[in-house]
Amino acid sequence: MDRRRFLYASAAFTLSGSLTHLGATGIPSPISGGRIVRNHVGVYTNRGGTMAYYLPDGAEGGVVVDTQFPEQATAFLHEVMPGRRRLDLLINTHHHGDHTGGNGIIAPLADRYVSHDRAKTNLTVANSSRGDELPLPLPSTTFADDWSVSLPDGREIVTARHFGPAHTGGDAVIHFENANVVHLGDLLFNRRFPYIDPAAGGNMIHWIRVLRRIRKTYDRDTVFVFGHAAESYAVTGDRDDVRSFQHYLEALHAYVRRERRRGTTLAALKAKTVTIPGAPEWRYGERLRDVNLEVMWAEVGGEG
């Protein structure tokens, strides 16, 4: 184990021990957000992007998809996988800090750490701005289009697919094939305005095409895990939820294109817009609503 990996692992075990101590002394431990969705595959919500996990029988192994932040990743290990000192796989849906901030806690425990090629590049760029903070570990395995592994317990296959630029340029869709549970990461914000990262390769118009491909790839029985959801909305759903979010992006595209052609300025568009016509369910997060308008405005301007 190299020195950096040792430091990460030491931090994980130290924090885990601290959490156990707090629980024993009656001080509230972190709120548990773990629940099984289907066939040993679960979701965990605490603070940050939704995590997914596979919890095999026995004392070792398992899969973690995304890691939130260090405190939340440590709470996850304490609550969902207590006592496990080895995991089969850590995989990230993309590079953003609310999905990878706990990688320093989880990655040292995983036999493999996987992401899309562009996600690794984006994470490398993000590491350069961390200053004196310990840089987040980088994936040891990357892929361009798809990647798959059969887990050692023989009961699950994990497949990651990249459908093209959308939320970022490095989004991965993670499929637990036997359970038929798919983690979409931030390719789906359930009933809240989504964040888009053009600097990291994101593209809102192409995002629409990506969602179409997702709906064609997975079936009616698939349970989808979403990166984020508005208050009172679920972080899991079905193909109808994917279609609804696709409809939001289509409505945003049509609205911005129509207003540009009418001569509406971006400032005037932002000032008059509360919800996107045709998609009133998306009404949470005013700042991101304005970001959506700004990014789509720029993309529509480049359509010619």
Foldseek 3Di string as FASTA:
>chain_A
DDPLLVVLQVVLVVLLVVLVVCVVVPNDHADWAWDADFDQKIWTDGDFFIKIKGDDPDLEEIEIEFQAAQNRNSSCCNPPRDPYQAYAEYEYQAADCRRQNNQSNPVSRYPFYEFAPLRLVVLVVVQVPPPPDDRHDGGPYHDHAKDKDQDPVNQWIKMWGDQAAALARTGIWIAGDNRQEIERAALAEQLEQGHHDVVRPHDLVVSLVSLVVVLVVGDFPHKYAHGYYDPPDDRIDGNVRSVLVSQQSVLLLVQLLVCVVVVHDLVNVLVPDQGRPPNVSHRPDSVSVSVSSVRSNVVSVVVD
